[in-house]
Amino acid sequence: MSDQENSHPMFRFIILTAALAFIIWGISQAQAVLVSVLVSVFLAILSTPFVRWLERKRMPVFVAVGLVIACMVLFLLVLGAVIGASITSFYASLPHYQARFQEQMVTLKGFLAAKGITPPNEIFLKYLNPNTVMNWTVNLLMGVGSAFSNIFLILLTVMFILLEASSFPIKLRTVLGDPNLAFPQFTKFIDDMKRYMVIKTLISLGTGLLVTIWLSVLHVDFPVLWGFLAFLLNFVPSIGSSLAGIPAVLLAFIQLGFWRAILVAAGYMVINLVLDYGIETRLMGQKLGLSTLVVFLSLVFWGSLLGPVGAVLCIPLSLTLKFAFASQESTRWVAVMLGPEDMTGHLE
């Protein structure tokens, strides 16, 4: 095969497309393993600051990692028990909520008729059916729960990642031919990624806690379940915060009526505006370095490829790909296409 043929743009495009298709096929075939690895990396990144803090207190690294893993096990066990019981109770109550929904629809139709509004029955029977939303909620939570099904392997992987974290920079400097050229950019990328995930997790925790408190005040059923859903979907860009409020608002309407549902929706809006668009924007300090279209497409791509975990981690995964493309001159143009209009500072 001649050098001219190898350098032909169309030939290179075909090879790149075939390689990309093969990689995507491989990811789909190894979905279960990759999801466990991604969850492990996510938990390890969140746990690293605690391990570092314990090490600064002169605690041996093995003891620090063991203590963090023990706290993580306790937290996951408590969370799994509470959320699992809530999902079971919620699923068992679905027939009751369906009957209650029909009663509320009769009341709403009477209210609209008194105002001279007569919407077609198709709207009430098809588009305002709560079964779709409620079943989607249960399936989403069950899908996330399945990611933690192999919890022993996940925690073991997290432990080894934390134990290797301190020696990884030394190994990387040894591997790199000229570490002064690539290592600073890699270190900055890792720091920015860690900062994003820690801040996003704290904001999501705050969102879930405030949602739980607000729904408890309004006496909406299963407030802890909806708070966990708000925490989880807050990681999903663009549409996550809005989707998190739909089941709770619908349940409030079924259980407590129209005006209480309005209060629930208002609470979600205030919480998201203050935390997501106020505090989080200030703490992040800069844009993600991805275009709006790429953020949406990454949500669709990673979500369809890896399920709920892919949707939750779509931004870190896309940022990792962007960094990988930007590190090579031949693929730098891909990183430019993935980024926003103004790429200043994102690829340097």
Protein backbone atom coordinates (compact mmCIF):
# COMPACT_ATOMS: atom_id res chain seq x y z
CA MET A 1 0.00 0.00 0.00
CA SER A 2 1.64 3.24 -1.15
CA ASP A 3 2.24 6.34 0.98
CA GLN A 4 0.08 8.32 -1.39
CA GLU A 5 -2.85 6.00 -0.78
CA ASN A 6 -2.33 6.17 2.96
CA SER A 7 -2.34 9.96 2.89
CA HIS A 8 -5.45 10.26 0.78
CA PRO A 9 -8.11 12.12 2.82
CA MET A 10 -10.95 9.84 1.75
CA PHE A 11 -8.99 6.72 2.65
CA ARG A 12 -8.15 8.12 6.07
CA PHE A 13 -11.79 9.07 6.60
CA ILE A 14 -12.95 5.53 5.78
CA ILE A 15 -10.40 4.00 8.16
CA LEU A 16 -11.36 6.44 10.92
CA THR A 17 -15.08 5.77 10.43
CA ALA A 18 -14.57 2.00 10.48
CA ALA A 19 -12.44 2.23 13.63
CA LEU A 20 -15.04 4.44 15.31
CA ALA A 21 -17.85 2.03 14.42
CA PHE A 22 -15.82 -0.88 15.78
CA ILE A 23 -15.12 0.98 19.04
CA ILE A 24 -18.81 1.85 19.50
CA TRP A 25 -19.76 -1.78 18.86
CA GLY A 26 -17.19 -2.90 21.41
CA ILE A 27 -18.50 -0.44 24.01
CA SER A 28 -22.07 -1.67 23.50
CA GLN A 29 -20.94 -5.30 23.91
CA ALA A 30 -19.02 -4.52 27.10
CA GLN A 31 -21.64 -2.18 28.54
CA ALA A 32 -21.99 -3.91 31.91
CA VAL A 33 -18.24 -3.90 32.56
CA LEU A 34 -17.76 -0.32 31.36
CA VAL A 35 -20.63 0.96 33.50
CA SER A 36 -19.07 -0.63 36.58
CA VAL A 37 -15.69 0.90 35.72
CA LEU A 38 -17.19 4.35 35.14
CA VAL A 39 -19.08 4.22 38.43
CA SER A 40 -15.85 3.18 40.16
CA VAL A 41 -13.89 6.07 38.63
CA PHE A 42 -16.66 8.50 39.55
CA LEU A 43 -16.67 7.34 43.18
CA ALA A 44 -12.86 7.36 43.30
CA ILE A 45 -12.68 10.96 42.08
CA LEU A 46 -15.19 12.03 44.72
CA SER A 47 -13.32 10.11 47.43
CA THR A 48 -9.81 11.39 46.61
CA PRO A 49 -10.13 14.68 48.57
CA PHE A 50 -11.12 12.77 51.72
CA VAL A 51 -8.16 10.37 51.36
CA ARG A 52 -5.79 13.30 50.82
CA TRP A 53 -7.19 15.05 53.91
CA LEU A 54 -6.65 11.96 56.06
CA GLU A 55 -3.12 11.58 54.71
CA ARG A 56 -2.36 15.19 55.70
CA LYS A 57 -3.42 14.17 59.22
CA ARG A 58 -0.49 11.68 59.12
CA MET A 59 -2.74 8.68 58.61
CA PRO A 60 -1.20 5.83 56.54
CA VAL A 61 -2.60 5.59 53.05
CA PHE A 62 -3.93 2.04 53.59
CA VAL A 63 -5.80 3.14 56.71
CA ALA A 64 -7.12 6.28 55.00
CA VAL A 65 -8.40 4.35 51.99
CA GLY A 66 -9.92 1.66 54.22
CA LEU A 67 -11.74 4.24 56.31
CA VAL A 68 -13.11 6.01 53.22
CA ILE A 69 -14.23 2.70 51.70
CA ALA A 70 -15.94 1.72 54.98
CA CYS A 71 -17.84 5.04 55.06
CA MET A 72 -18.79 4.56 51.42
CA VAL A 73 -20.12 1.05 52.10
CA LEU A 74 -22.19 2.31 55.04
CA PHE A 75 -23.58 5.21 52.99
CA LEU A 76 -24.49 3.00 50.01
CA LEU A 77 -26.15 0.42 52.26
CA VAL A 78 -28.31 3.04 53.97
CA LEU A 79 -29.13 4.78 50.68
CA GLY A 80 -29.92 1.49 48.95
CA ALA A 81 -32.22 0.39 51.77
CA VAL A 82 -34.13 3.69 51.87
CA ILE A 83 -34.44 4.13 48.09
CA GLY A 84 -35.20 0.44 47.52
CA ALA A 85 -38.02 0.50 50.08
CA SER A 86 -39.39 3.71 48.54
CA ILE A 87 -39.36 2.26 45.02
CA THR A 88 -41.15 -0.90 46.20
CA SER A 89 -43.84 1.08 48.05
CA PHE A 90 -44.25 3.52 45.18
CA TYR A 91 -44.66 0.75 42.60
CA ALA A 92 -47.22 -1.01 44.80
CA SER A 93 -49.19 2.25 45.12
CA LEU A 94 -49.43 2.89 41.36
CA PRO A 95 -52.97 1.39 41.02
CA HIS A 96 -54.19 3.66 43.83
CA TYR A 97 -52.63 6.70 42.16
CA GLN A 98 -54.23 5.74 38.84
CA ALA A 99 -57.69 5.69 40.44
CA ARG A 100 -57.00 8.94 42.25
CA PHE A 101 -55.83 10.49 38.97
CA GLN A 102 -59.16 9.68 37.32
CA GLU A 103 -60.96 11.49 40.16
CA GLN A 104 -58.76 14.54 39.76
CA MET A 105 -59.39 14.54 36.02
CA VAL A 106 -63.13 14.65 36.60
CA THR A 107 -62.65 17.62 38.93
CA LEU A 108 -60.35 19.38 36.45
CA LYS A 109 -62.76 18.83 33.56
CA GLY A 110 -65.58 20.30 35.65
CA PHE A 111 -63.43 23.31 36.53
CA LEU A 112 -62.52 23.90 32.87
CA ALA A 113 -66.14 23.45 31.77
CA ALA A 114 -67.21 26.12 34.26
CA LYS A 115 -64.71 28.46 32.56
CA GLY A 116 -66.10 27.63 29.13
CA ILE A 117 -63.17 25.41 28.14
CA THR A 118 -63.92 21.94 26.75
CA PRO A 119 -60.71 20.16 25.71
CA PRO A 120 -61.03 16.89 23.76
CA ASN A 121 -61.17 13.70 25.81
CA GLU A 122 -58.08 12.46 23.95
CA ILE A 123 -55.98 14.92 25.93
CA PHE A 124 -57.10 13.43 29.23
CA LEU A 125 -56.99 9.80 28.14
CA LYS A 126 -53.73 9.80 26.18
CA TYR A 127 -51.52 12.78 26.92
CA LEU A 128 -52.31 13.16 30.64
CA ASN A 129 -51.94 9.50 31.51
CA PRO A 130 -49.61 9.21 34.56
CA ASN A 131 -48.65 5.61 33.94
CA THR A 132 -46.02 6.56 31.35
CA VAL A 133 -44.28 9.05 33.64
CA MET A 134 -44.47 6.84 36.72
CA ASN A 135 -43.22 3.72 34.92
CA TRP A 136 -40.41 5.75 33.34
CA THR A 137 -39.39 6.94 36.81
CA VAL A 138 -39.32 3.41 38.22
CA ASN A 139 -37.37 2.09 35.21
CA LEU A 140 -34.83 4.92 35.49
CA LEU A 141 -34.22 4.27 39.18
CA MET A 142 -34.02 0.52 38.61
CA GLY A 143 -31.53 1.10 35.78
CA VAL A 144 -29.28 3.15 38.05
CA GLY A 145 -29.63 0.53 40.75
CA SER A 146 -28.49 -2.17 38.33
CA ALA A 147 -25.25 -0.23 37.83
CA PHE A 148 -24.50 -0.88 41.51
CA SER A 149 -25.53 -4.53 41.35
CA ASN A 150 -21.89 -5.64 41.29
CA ILE A 151 -21.08 -3.48 44.28
CA PHE A 152 -18.20 -5.66 45.50
CA LEU A 153 -16.29 -5.26 42.22
CA ILE A 154 -17.00 -1.52 42.18
CA LEU A 155 -15.71 -0.96 45.72
CA LEU A 156 -12.66 -3.13 45.07
CA THR A 157 -11.87 -1.10 41.95
CA VAL A 158 -12.33 2.16 43.88
CA MET A 159 -9.92 0.93 46.55
CA PHE A 160 -7.19 0.10 44.04
CA ILE A 161 -7.68 3.41 42.22
CA LEU A 162 -7.27 5.32 45.48
CA LEU A 163 -4.18 3.30 46.41
CA GLU A 164 -2.62 4.00 42.99
CA ALA A 165 -3.61 7.67 42.84
CA SER A 166 -0.50 8.96 44.63
CA SER A 167 1.95 7.04 42.42
CA PHE A 168 0.18 7.68 39.11
CA PRO A 169 1.85 11.07 38.37
CA ILE A 170 5.29 9.49 38.86
CA LYS A 171 4.44 6.66 36.45
CA LEU A 172 3.08 9.13 33.91
CA ARG A 173 6.26 11.22 34.02
CA THR A 174 8.27 8.06 33.39
CA VAL A 175 6.14 7.04 30.40
CA LEU A 176 6.14 10.46 28.73
CA GLY A 177 9.16 11.18 26.58
CA ASP A 178 9.11 14.88 27.44
CA PRO A 179 6.78 15.34 30.42
CA ASN A 180 7.22 19.11 30.38
CA LEU A 181 5.26 19.28 27.13
CA ALA A 182 2.25 17.09 27.96
CA PHE A 183 2.12 16.68 31.73
CA PRO A 184 0.99 20.23 32.68
CA GLN A 185 -1.95 20.05 30.27
CA PHE A 186 -2.90 16.62 31.59
CA THR A 187 -2.64 17.78 35.20
CA LYS A 188 -4.82 20.81 34.45
CA PHE A 189 -7.37 18.59 32.73
CA ILE A 190 -7.51 16.20 35.71
CA ASP A 191 -7.82 19.11 38.17
CA ASP A 192 -10.59 20.73 36.11
CA MET A 193 -12.43 17.40 35.79
CA LYS A 194 -12.15 16.74 39.53
CA ARG A 195 -13.33 20.26 40.29
CA TYR A 196 -16.31 19.91 37.96
CA MET A 197 -17.39 16.56 39.42
CA VAL A 198 -16.98 17.63 43.05
CA ILE A 199 -18.88 20.91 42.53
CA LYS A 200 -21.58 19.20 40.48
CA THR A 201 -21.99 16.52 43.13
CA LEU A 202 -22.26 19.06 45.96
CA ILE A 203 -24.80 21.13 44.01
CA SER A 204 -26.77 17.98 43.19
CA LEU A 205 -26.72 16.94 46.85
CA GLY A 206 -28.00 20.37 47.82
CA THR A 207 -30.72 20.12 45.18
CA GLY A 208 -31.82 16.69 46.38
CA LEU A 209 -31.83 17.77 50.03
CA LEU A 210 -33.87 20.93 49.39
CA VAL A 211 -36.33 19.03 47.19
CA THR A 212 -36.78 16.41 49.94
CA ILE A 213 -37.40 19.10 52.57
CA TRP A 214 -39.82 21.05 50.35
CA LEU A 215 -41.86 17.97 49.44
CA SER A 216 -41.92 16.87 53.08
CA VAL A 217 -43.32 20.27 54.08
CA LEU A 218 -46.03 19.93 51.41
CA HIS A 219 -46.76 16.32 52.52
CA VAL A 220 -46.07 14.79 49.11
CA ASP A 221 -45.57 11.02 49.27
CA PHE A 222 -42.05 9.57 49.00
CA PRO A 223 -40.07 12.84 49.37
CA VAL A 224 -36.76 10.97 49.77
CA LEU A 225 -37.33 9.16 46.48
CA TRP A 226 -37.97 12.42 44.61
CA GLY A 227 -35.00 14.07 46.31
CA PHE A 228 -32.75 11.24 45.14
CA LEU A 229 -34.18 11.54 41.62
CA ALA A 230 -33.47 15.29 41.67
CA PHE A 231 -29.90 14.59 42.83
CA LEU A 232 -29.39 12.03 40.09
CA LEU A 233 -30.91 13.96 37.18
CA ASN A 234 -29.12 17.16 38.15
CA PHE A 235 -26.04 15.61 36.53
CA VAL A 236 -27.91 15.35 33.22
CA PRO A 237 -27.31 18.59 31.29
CA SER A 238 -30.01 20.82 29.83
CA ILE A 239 -33.08 18.70 30.58
CA GLY A 240 -32.23 16.81 33.77
CA SER A 241 -33.50 19.36 36.29
CA SER A 242 -36.77 19.77 34.42
CA LEU A 243 -37.34 16.02 34.08
CA ALA A 244 -36.73 15.49 37.80
CA GLY A 245 -39.71 17.63 38.74
CA ILE A 246 -42.29 16.01 36.45
CA PRO A 247 -43.05 12.87 38.55
CA ALA A 248 -43.22 14.83 41.83
CA VAL A 249 -45.50 17.50 40.34
CA LEU A 250 -47.75 14.83 38.82
CA LEU A 251 -47.90 12.92 42.10
CA ALA A 252 -48.70 16.12 44.00
CA PHE A 253 -51.56 16.77 41.57
CA ILE A 254 -52.89 13.22 41.99
CA GLN A 255 -52.49 13.17 45.75
CA LEU A 256 -53.17 16.76 46.85
CA GLY A 257 -54.73 18.62 43.96
CA PHE A 258 -53.93 21.28 41.42
CA TRP A 259 -52.78 24.13 43.68
CA ARG A 260 -50.43 21.97 45.72
CA ALA A 261 -48.89 20.75 42.45
CA ILE A 262 -48.29 24.40 41.51
CA LEU A 263 -46.44 24.91 44.79
CA VAL A 264 -44.30 21.84 44.11
CA ALA A 265 -43.44 23.09 40.62
CA ALA A 266 -42.61 26.56 41.98
CA GLY A 267 -40.30 25.01 44.57
CA TYR A 268 -38.42 23.06 41.90
CA MET A 269 -38.03 26.21 39.80
CA VAL A 270 -36.67 28.28 42.69
CA ILE A 271 -34.25 25.55 43.81
CA ASN A 272 -32.91 25.03 40.29
CA LEU A 273 -32.58 28.75 39.59
CA VAL A 274 -30.69 29.42 42.82
CA LEU A 275 -28.42 26.36 42.82
CA ASP A 276 -27.93 25.51 39.14
CA TYR A 277 -28.00 28.94 37.51
CA GLY A 278 -26.76 30.93 40.48
CA ILE A 279 -24.33 29.17 42.80
CA GLU A 280 -23.07 26.52 40.35
CA THR A 281 -22.34 29.08 37.63
CA ARG A 282 -20.30 31.16 40.07
CA LEU A 283 -18.37 28.18 41.43
CA MET A 284 -17.57 26.75 38.01
CA GLY A 285 -16.12 30.09 36.95
CA GLN A 286 -15.96 29.10 33.27
CA LYS A 287 -17.88 27.27 30.59
CA LEU A 288 -17.50 23.55 30.04
CA GLY A 289 -15.67 24.01 26.77
CA LEU A 290 -18.35 22.14 24.81
CA SER A 291 -20.84 23.62 22.39
CA THR A 292 -24.53 23.49 23.25
CA LEU A 293 -25.21 21.10 20.38
CA VAL A 294 -22.39 18.78 21.48
CA VAL A 295 -23.74 18.75 25.06
CA PHE A 296 -27.16 17.63 23.79
CA LEU A 297 -25.73 15.08 21.35
CA SER A 298 -23.41 13.70 24.02
CA LEU A 299 -26.43 13.20 26.28
CA VAL A 300 -28.21 11.25 23.53
CA PHE A 301 -25.10 9.29 22.49
CA TRP A 302 -23.79 8.24 25.91
CA GLY A 303 -27.29 7.70 27.27
CA SER A 304 -28.23 5.32 24.44
CA LEU A 305 -24.85 3.57 24.64
CA LEU A 306 -24.46 3.16 28.41
CA GLY A 307 -27.96 3.73 29.76
CA PRO A 308 -28.73 6.01 32.74
CA VAL A 309 -25.10 6.04 33.90
CA GLY A 310 -24.04 7.28 30.47
CA ALA A 311 -26.57 10.13 30.67
CA VAL A 312 -25.33 11.09 34.15
CA LEU A 313 -21.64 11.03 33.13
CA CYS A 314 -22.04 12.34 29.55
CA ILE A 315 -20.22 15.63 30.26
CA PRO A 316 -17.09 14.09 31.86
CA LEU A 317 -16.95 11.47 29.10
CA SER A 318 -17.23 14.09 26.34
CA LEU A 319 -14.63 16.32 28.00
CA THR A 320 -12.26 13.36 28.16
CA LEU A 321 -12.72 12.71 24.45
CA LYS A 322 -12.18 16.39 23.69
CA PHE A 323 -8.92 16.43 25.66
CA ALA A 324 -7.73 13.28 23.88
CA PHE A 325 -8.44 14.83 20.47
CA ALA A 326 -6.82 18.14 21.46
CA SER A 327 -3.60 16.43 22.58
CA GLN A 328 -2.78 15.28 19.03
CA GLU A 329 -2.16 17.68 16.18
CA SER A 330 -3.83 15.39 13.63
CA THR A 331 -7.12 15.27 15.60
CA ARG A 332 -7.03 18.79 17.00
CA TRP A 333 -9.70 19.86 14.52
CA VAL A 334 -12.16 17.42 16.16
CA ALA A 335 -11.62 19.14 19.53
CA VAL A 336 -12.27 22.50 17.84
CA MET A 337 -15.54 21.18 16.39
CA LEU A 338 -16.60 19.87 19.82
CA GLY A 339 -15.89 23.17 21.53
CA PRO A 340 -17.89 26.41 21.65
CA GLU A 341 -17.50 29.28 19.21
CA ASP A 342 -14.73 30.91 21.21
CA MET A 343 -12.10 28.23 21.76
CA THR A 344 -9.64 30.62 23.39
CA GLY A 345 -8.16 29.02 26.44
CA HIS A 346 -9.77 25.63 25.93
CA LEU A 347 -7.17 24.02 23.74
CA GLU A 348 -4.07 25.76 25.03
